[in-house]
Amino acid sequence: MGANSKYFTIALVMVLLIIGVMAGGVMLAFTENWDAQWRMTPSLSVNHVHFTVRHSNGFNNWTNGRDVPVDNLRGFSLSMLASPGSAKFEYVGDAGRLLCEGRFLLGAGSGSYTFAGDPAFVSALQQMGYDTPDDEQLLSMLMMDINRAFARDIRDSGLRASSRDLIALKIHGVTLDYLREARQAGYRDFTADDYVQLRIHGVGTDFLRELKAAGYDLRTGEITQLRIHGVDSEYIRRVASYGLKPQASDLTQMHIHGVTPEYLKGLKDAGYDNLQAEEVDQLRIHGVETDFVQKARRLGYNFTPQELAQLRIHGVDGPYLERLRAAGMRNLNAEQIEKLRMHGVD
């Protein structure tokens, strides 16, 4: 390695160390006090910055970070983010404002803030019928852009909600369209907590409509259990096409144990088309395949679902039935066949 290259490498390392120390200073400013900290970095969106706020009340800590329009910031311009120096600006929304101070350095900024709630916003919520939000709720509303219009639309949708509910609905992406479509599908008694649980588990309004169309009037917990276990509207429709309308809990168990629409078709083709959901479930649990059921019928047997399950538990399959028949044992019942198998008669 030449002398110039060596000196260049040493200089580069020193520069990187200095940058690391300076960047560490920015992060230190962000972590000195958990109570009220802000951090700002560039955003890929035009006329936006990525703004992060951390808050602690001594018991709970939370962080909210998202791209925000520069128009929400008073006393700030994008050029300030690129220029080292002191930071003093306000983040403004319907619920109040953050009075931010700190420093900009290396294209980022950090510091502390003071929150001031807007009494006019609180008054507007009260006039709409909401309870009075506390300061922490107001801060959450500010950072999640919960404004008068959102609160008014929620109220006008017919949903009775609290200030806490407004925050939960916003966090979990319960939109006005979702509320409207759910009510149009016939679900008019859901609470805010119901909607939050449905959204957490990915329940779409199409699924809600399909459940109603299939004749199901379910509670939120039953609906979410269906979705958790992968029961969709197509599965429900295909199950219904074979003459079954299981309870929600039975649908869940059938799906868990691998009862497919094809399995139901195989049972129906063998003449078992009026079974209860629990009977189908037990057949599947005990490994009763449809080819065994169909072969038993072709050989002239008319076993009950319980007998089919017991036969399979004891190792009786289609070929075994054929061997018994070939040996001239044609008029045996399920209990007799089971005993033969248990005593090693092959």
Protein backbone atom coordinates (compact mmCIF):
# COMPACT_ATOMS: atom_id res chain seq x y z
CA MET A 1 0.00 0.00 0.00
CA GLY A 2 1.38 3.44 -0.97
CA ALA A 3 1.89 6.25 1.55
CA ASN A 4 -0.89 8.37 0.03
CA SER A 5 -3.36 5.48 0.20
CA LYS A 6 -2.39 4.79 3.80
CA TYR A 7 -2.93 8.43 4.83
CA PHE A 8 -6.23 8.52 2.93
CA THR A 9 -7.48 5.43 4.79
CA ILE A 10 -6.51 6.89 8.17
CA ALA A 11 -8.25 10.17 7.33
CA LEU A 12 -11.38 8.37 6.19
CA VAL A 13 -11.53 6.37 9.43
CA MET A 14 -11.14 9.56 11.46
CA VAL A 15 -13.94 11.25 9.54
CA LEU A 16 -16.23 8.28 10.08
CA LEU A 17 -15.41 8.27 13.79
CA ILE A 18 -16.21 11.97 14.06
CA ILE A 19 -19.50 11.48 12.21
CA GLY A 20 -20.32 8.57 14.48
CA VAL A 21 -19.68 10.64 17.58
CA MET A 22 -21.74 13.52 16.23
CA ALA A 23 -24.60 11.19 15.26
CA GLY A 24 -24.37 9.66 18.69
CA GLY A 25 -24.87 13.14 20.11
CA VAL A 26 -28.10 13.47 18.17
CA MET A 27 -29.34 10.12 19.48
CA LEU A 28 -28.27 11.02 22.99
CA ALA A 29 -30.45 14.09 22.85
CA PHE A 30 -33.33 11.80 21.88
CA THR A 31 -32.82 9.41 24.77
CA GLU A 32 -31.92 11.73 27.65
CA ASN A 33 -35.50 12.13 28.84
CA TRP A 34 -38.21 9.61 28.09
CA ASP A 35 -41.01 11.89 29.21
CA ALA A 36 -41.32 13.99 26.07
CA GLN A 37 -38.94 13.55 23.12
CA TRP A 38 -39.18 14.23 19.41
CA ARG A 39 -37.05 13.23 16.44
CA MET A 40 -37.24 14.32 12.81
CA THR A 41 -35.70 12.77 9.69
CA PRO A 42 -36.26 13.29 5.96
CA SER A 43 -39.17 11.60 4.21
CA LEU A 44 -39.40 10.15 0.70
CA SER A 45 -42.75 11.94 0.31
CA VAL A 46 -42.67 15.44 -1.15
CA ASN A 47 -43.18 18.23 1.42
CA HIS A 48 -43.23 15.74 4.30
CA VAL A 49 -40.85 14.82 7.10
CA HIS A 50 -40.76 11.71 9.28
CA PHE A 51 -41.72 12.92 12.75
CA THR A 52 -41.41 10.66 15.80
CA VAL A 53 -42.70 11.45 19.27
CA ARG A 54 -42.00 9.48 22.42
CA HIS A 55 -43.94 9.86 25.63
CA SER A 56 -43.81 8.33 29.10
CA ASN A 57 -46.06 8.86 32.09
CA GLY A 58 -43.90 6.80 34.41
CA PHE A 59 -45.94 3.64 33.82
CA ASN A 60 -46.52 3.40 30.07
CA ASN A 61 -44.19 4.35 27.25
CA TRP A 62 -45.27 4.83 23.66
CA THR A 63 -43.75 5.97 20.40
CA ASN A 64 -45.59 7.38 17.41
CA GLY A 65 -43.70 7.91 14.17
CA ARG A 66 -45.13 8.80 10.78
CA ASP A 67 -44.70 11.06 7.77
CA VAL A 68 -46.36 14.41 8.40
CA PRO A 69 -46.94 17.36 6.06
CA VAL A 70 -44.59 20.30 6.50
CA ASP A 71 -47.76 22.44 6.61
CA ASN A 72 -48.44 20.98 10.09
CA LEU A 73 -45.21 22.55 11.36
CA ARG A 74 -45.05 26.22 12.35
CA GLY A 75 -41.67 27.94 12.27
CA PHE A 76 -40.06 25.14 10.26
CA SER A 77 -38.85 24.69 6.69
CA LEU A 78 -37.11 21.78 4.99
CA SER A 79 -33.94 23.84 4.62
CA MET A 80 -33.62 23.90 8.42
CA LEU A 81 -33.40 20.09 8.51
CA ALA A 82 -30.32 20.23 6.28
CA SER A 83 -28.58 23.00 8.27
CA PRO A 84 -26.93 22.39 11.67
CA GLY A 85 -28.34 24.62 14.36
CA SER A 86 -30.92 25.04 17.08
CA ALA A 87 -34.48 23.83 16.52
CA LYS A 88 -37.60 25.62 17.69
CA PHE A 89 -40.94 24.99 16.01
CA GLU A 90 -44.50 23.81 16.65
CA TYR A 91 -46.36 20.76 15.45
CA VAL A 92 -50.03 21.77 15.15
CA GLY A 93 -53.26 19.79 14.83
CA ASP A 94 -56.90 19.98 15.91
CA ALA A 95 -56.22 18.44 19.32
CA GLY A 96 -53.42 20.84 20.26
CA ARG A 97 -49.78 21.58 19.58
CA LEU A 98 -46.28 20.42 20.45
CA LEU A 99 -43.82 23.17 21.33
CA CYS A 100 -40.55 21.57 20.16
CA GLU A 101 -36.98 22.58 20.96
CA GLY A 102 -33.67 20.88 20.24
CA ARG A 103 -31.10 20.77 17.45
CA PHE A 104 -30.73 19.88 13.79
CA LEU A 105 -27.57 18.00 12.84
CA LEU A 106 -26.53 15.82 9.89
CA GLY A 107 -29.94 15.96 8.23
CA ALA A 108 -31.85 14.98 11.37
CA GLY A 109 -33.22 16.73 14.43
CA SER A 110 -34.14 15.80 17.96
CA GLY A 111 -35.05 17.36 21.27
CA SER A 112 -37.83 17.71 23.80
CA TYR A 113 -41.34 19.07 23.55
CA THR A 114 -44.12 20.54 25.64
CA PHE A 115 -47.69 19.58 24.80
CA ALA A 116 -50.55 22.07 24.92
CA GLY A 117 -54.06 20.73 24.34
CA ASP A 118 -56.64 22.84 22.52
CA PRO A 119 -59.60 23.73 24.80
CA ALA A 120 -61.74 24.50 21.74
CA PHE A 121 -61.23 20.96 20.47
CA VAL A 122 -62.18 19.52 23.86
CA SER A 123 -65.29 21.66 23.87
CA ALA A 124 -66.19 20.49 20.35
CA LEU A 125 -65.91 16.83 21.42
CA GLN A 126 -68.13 17.49 24.44
CA GLN A 127 -70.74 19.13 22.25
CA MET A 128 -70.72 16.04 20.02
CA GLY A 129 -71.45 13.87 23.05
CA TYR A 130 -67.97 12.53 23.78
CA ASP A 131 -66.47 12.37 27.26
CA THR A 132 -63.70 14.82 28.14
CA PRO A 133 -60.32 13.46 26.97
CA ASP A 134 -57.38 13.74 29.35
CA ASP A 135 -54.03 15.20 28.29
CA GLU A 136 -52.58 11.84 27.27
CA GLN A 137 -55.60 11.10 25.12
CA LEU A 138 -55.35 14.55 23.55
CA LEU A 139 -51.68 13.95 22.77
CA SER A 140 -52.57 10.63 21.13
CA MET A 141 -55.32 12.34 19.13
CA LEU A 142 -52.87 14.98 17.96
CA MET A 143 -50.28 12.47 16.82
CA MET A 144 -52.86 10.25 15.08
CA ASP A 145 -54.53 13.19 13.37
CA ILE A 146 -57.88 12.66 15.06
CA ASN A 147 -59.72 15.86 14.23
CA ARG A 148 -63.22 17.30 14.51
CA ALA A 149 -64.27 15.82 11.18
CA PHE A 150 -63.28 12.29 12.21
CA ALA A 151 -65.08 12.57 15.55
CA ARG A 152 -68.19 13.98 13.86
CA ASP A 153 -68.23 11.27 11.20
CA ILE A 154 -67.94 8.52 13.82
CA ARG A 155 -70.84 10.02 15.74
CA ASP A 156 -72.95 10.43 12.61
CA SER A 157 -72.33 6.79 11.65
CA GLY A 158 -74.52 5.79 14.59
CA LEU A 159 -71.69 4.30 16.66
CA ARG A 160 -71.63 5.32 20.30
CA ALA A 161 -67.97 5.92 21.09
CA SER A 162 -65.84 7.41 23.83
CA SER A 163 -62.65 9.42 23.48
CA ARG A 164 -60.70 6.23 24.15
CA ASP A 165 -62.72 4.51 21.42
CA LEU A 166 -61.84 7.21 18.89
CA ILE A 167 -58.16 6.51 19.49
CA ALA A 168 -58.58 2.72 19.28
CA LEU A 169 -60.63 2.97 16.06
CA LYS A 170 -57.95 5.15 14.47
CA ILE A 171 -55.06 2.95 15.61
CA HIS A 172 -56.61 -0.19 14.14
CA GLY A 173 -57.76 1.34 10.88
CA VAL A 174 -61.51 1.22 11.41
CA THR A 175 -62.64 3.54 8.64
CA LEU A 176 -65.99 5.17 8.09
CA ASP A 177 -66.48 2.99 5.02
CA TYR A 178 -65.93 -0.10 7.16
CA LEU A 179 -68.51 1.06 9.71
CA ARG A 180 -71.01 1.92 7.00
CA GLU A 181 -70.61 -1.36 5.11
CA ALA A 182 -70.86 -3.43 8.29
CA ARG A 183 -74.11 -1.71 9.24
CA GLN A 184 -75.46 -2.14 5.71
CA ALA A 185 -74.67 -5.86 6.01
CA GLY A 186 -76.97 -6.03 9.02
CA TYR A 187 -74.55 -5.61 11.92
CA ARG A 188 -76.08 -2.62 13.70
CA ASP A 189 -75.30 -3.53 17.30
CA PHE A 190 -71.51 -3.69 17.16
CA THR A 191 -69.62 -1.61 19.72
CA ALA A 192 -66.36 0.21 19.08
CA ASP A 193 -64.52 -2.69 20.75
CA ASP A 194 -66.26 -5.11 18.39
CA TYR A 195 -65.05 -3.19 15.36
CA VAL A 196 -61.52 -3.04 16.74
CA GLN A 197 -61.45 -6.81 17.31
CA LEU A 198 -62.77 -7.47 13.82
CA ARG A 199 -60.10 -5.29 12.24
CA ILE A 200 -57.33 -6.78 14.38
CA HIS A 201 -58.22 -10.22 13.01
CA GLY A 202 -58.62 -9.08 9.42
CA VAL A 203 -62.37 -9.54 9.12
CA GLY A 204 -63.54 -7.76 5.99
CA THR A 205 -67.07 -6.54 5.36
CA ASP A 206 -67.41 -9.02 2.46
CA PHE A 207 -67.05 -11.84 4.98
CA LEU A 208 -69.65 -10.22 7.24
CA ARG A 209 -72.10 -10.04 4.34
CA GLU A 210 -71.44 -13.68 3.39
CA LEU A 211 -72.14 -14.82 6.94
CA LYS A 212 -75.48 -13.03 6.95
CA ALA A 213 -76.35 -14.42 3.52
CA ALA A 214 -75.61 -17.95 4.80
CA GLY A 215 -78.04 -17.41 7.67
CA TYR A 216 -75.50 -16.85 10.44
CA ASP A 217 -76.11 -14.21 13.11
CA LEU A 218 -72.88 -14.40 15.10
CA ARG A 219 -71.20 -12.58 17.93
CA THR A 220 -67.88 -10.87 17.37
CA GLY A 221 -65.92 -13.58 19.16
CA GLU A 222 -67.42 -16.28 16.93
CA ILE A 223 -66.63 -14.31 13.79
CA THR A 224 -63.02 -13.72 14.79
CA GLN A 225 -62.55 -17.40 15.68
CA LEU A 226 -63.66 -18.33 12.18
CA ARG A 227 -61.12 -15.98 10.66
CA ILE A 228 -58.32 -17.02 13.04
CA HIS A 229 -58.73 -20.62 11.90
CA GLY A 230 -58.99 -19.81 8.20
CA VAL A 231 -62.70 -20.37 7.69
CA ASP A 232 -63.70 -18.15 4.79
CA SER A 233 -66.96 -17.52 2.98
CA GLU A 234 -66.08 -19.98 0.19
CA TYR A 235 -65.66 -22.77 2.74
CA ILE A 236 -69.00 -21.91 4.34
CA ARG A 237 -70.77 -21.87 0.94
CA ARG A 238 -69.32 -25.23 -0.09
CA VAL A 239 -70.17 -26.83 3.24
CA ALA A 240 -73.73 -25.55 2.89
CA SER A 241 -73.96 -27.03 -0.61
CA TYR A 242 -73.74 -30.51 0.96
CA GLY A 243 -76.70 -29.88 3.21
CA LEU A 244 -74.83 -28.78 6.32
CA LYS A 245 -75.25 -25.61 8.33
CA PRO A 246 -72.96 -26.13 11.32
CA GLN A 247 -72.76 -23.82 14.28
CA ALA A 248 -69.82 -21.40 14.15
CA SER A 249 -67.90 -23.50 16.70
CA ASP A 250 -68.51 -26.63 14.60
CA LEU A 251 -67.31 -24.89 11.46
CA THR A 252 -64.12 -23.95 13.27
CA GLN A 253 -63.53 -27.49 14.53
CA MET A 254 -64.28 -29.02 11.13
CA HIS A 255 -61.76 -26.74 9.48
CA ILE A 256 -59.15 -27.41 12.17
CA HIS A 257 -59.51 -31.17 11.67
CA GLY A 258 -59.28 -31.00 7.88
CA VAL A 259 -62.90 -31.53 6.92
CA THR A 260 -62.82 -30.23 3.37
CA PRO A 261 -65.79 -29.76 1.03
CA GLU A 262 -64.31 -32.63 -1.00
CA TYR A 263 -64.46 -34.84 2.09
CA LEU A 264 -68.13 -33.94 2.53
CA LYS A 265 -68.77 -34.79 -1.12
CA GLY A 266 -67.17 -38.21 -0.63
CA LEU A 267 -69.44 -38.90 2.32
CA LYS A 268 -72.48 -37.73 0.37
CA ASP A 269 -71.58 -39.95 -2.59
CA ALA A 270 -71.50 -42.88 -0.16
CA GLY A 271 -74.98 -42.05 1.07
CA TYR A 272 -74.00 -40.10 4.19
CA ASP A 273 -75.52 -36.75 3.33
CA ASN A 274 -77.57 -36.07 6.46
CA LEU A 275 -74.82 -36.12 9.07
CA GLN A 276 -74.47 -33.66 11.91
CA ALA A 277 -71.35 -31.51 11.93
CA GLU A 278 -70.03 -33.26 15.04
CA GLU A 279 -70.43 -36.65 13.34
CA VAL A 280 -68.43 -35.49 10.34
CA ASP A 281 -65.80 -34.07 12.65
CA GLN A 282 -65.47 -37.35 14.56
CA LEU A 283 -65.10 -39.32 11.34
CA ARG A 284 -62.26 -37.05 10.25
CA ILE A 285 -60.56 -37.09 13.65
CA HIS A 286 -60.48 -40.91 13.65
CA GLY A 287 -59.08 -41.16 10.14
CA VAL A 288 -62.19 -42.41 8.37
CA GLU A 289 -61.39 -41.72 4.73
CA THR A 290 -64.15 -41.50 2.16
CA ASP A 291 -62.82 -44.39 0.09
CA PHE A 292 -63.32 -46.69 3.12
CA VAL A 293 -66.86 -45.39 3.61
CA GLN A 294 -67.68 -45.86 -0.08
CA LYS A 295 -66.18 -49.35 -0.24
CA ALA A 296 -68.15 -50.43 2.85
CA ARG A 297 -71.36 -49.29 1.17
CA ARG A 298 -70.51 -51.09 -2.07
CA LEU A 299 -69.97 -54.29 -0.08
CA GLY A 300 -73.43 -53.93 1.38
CA TYR A 301 -72.64 -52.57 4.82
CA ASN A 302 -74.70 -49.78 6.34
CA PHE A 303 -72.51 -48.68 9.23
CA THR A 304 -73.39 -45.72 11.40
CA PRO A 305 -70.85 -42.87 11.69
CA GLN A 306 -69.96 -44.10 15.19
CA GLU A 307 -69.39 -47.64 13.89
CA LEU A 308 -67.21 -46.37 11.05
CA ALA A 309 -65.06 -44.49 13.54
CA GLN A 310 -64.70 -47.52 15.85
CA LEU A 311 -63.82 -49.82 12.95
CA ARG A 312 -61.03 -47.51 11.82
CA ILE A 313 -59.77 -47.11 15.38
CA HIS A 314 -59.25 -50.91 15.43
CA GLY A 315 -57.59 -51.05 12.03
CA VAL A 316 -60.47 -52.20 9.86
CA ASP A 317 -60.07 -50.90 6.32
CA GLY A 318 -61.60 -51.60 2.91
CA PRO A 319 -59.31 -54.49 1.95
CA TYR A 320 -60.06 -56.19 5.30
CA LEU A 321 -63.79 -56.04 4.60
CA GLU A 322 -63.15 -57.54 1.15
CA ARG A 323 -61.16 -60.42 2.63
CA LEU A 324 -63.95 -61.20 5.10
CA ARG A 325 -66.46 -61.23 2.29
CA ALA A 326 -64.26 -63.44 0.13
CA ALA A 327 -64.01 -65.86 3.09
CA GLY A 328 -67.79 -66.16 3.14
CA MET A 329 -68.39 -63.94 6.17
CA ARG A 330 -71.03 -61.73 4.63
CA ASN A 331 -73.58 -60.96 7.33
CA LEU A 332 -71.39 -59.59 10.08
CA ASN A 333 -72.23 -56.44 12.00
CA ALA A 334 -69.72 -53.78 12.99
CA GLU A 335 -69.14 -55.21 16.48
CA GLN A 336 -68.40 -58.67 15.11
CA ILE A 337 -65.99 -57.33 12.49
CA GLU A 338 -64.25 -55.27 15.15
CA LYS A 339 -63.79 -58.33 17.41
CA LEU A 340 -62.40 -60.40 14.55
CA ARG A 341 -59.85 -57.71 13.83
CA MET A 342 -58.95 -57.33 17.49
CA HIS A 343 -58.32 -61.11 17.78
CA GLY A 344 -56.06 -61.19 14.75
CA VAL A 345 -58.44 -62.82 12.31
CA ASP A 346 -57.09 -61.68 8.98
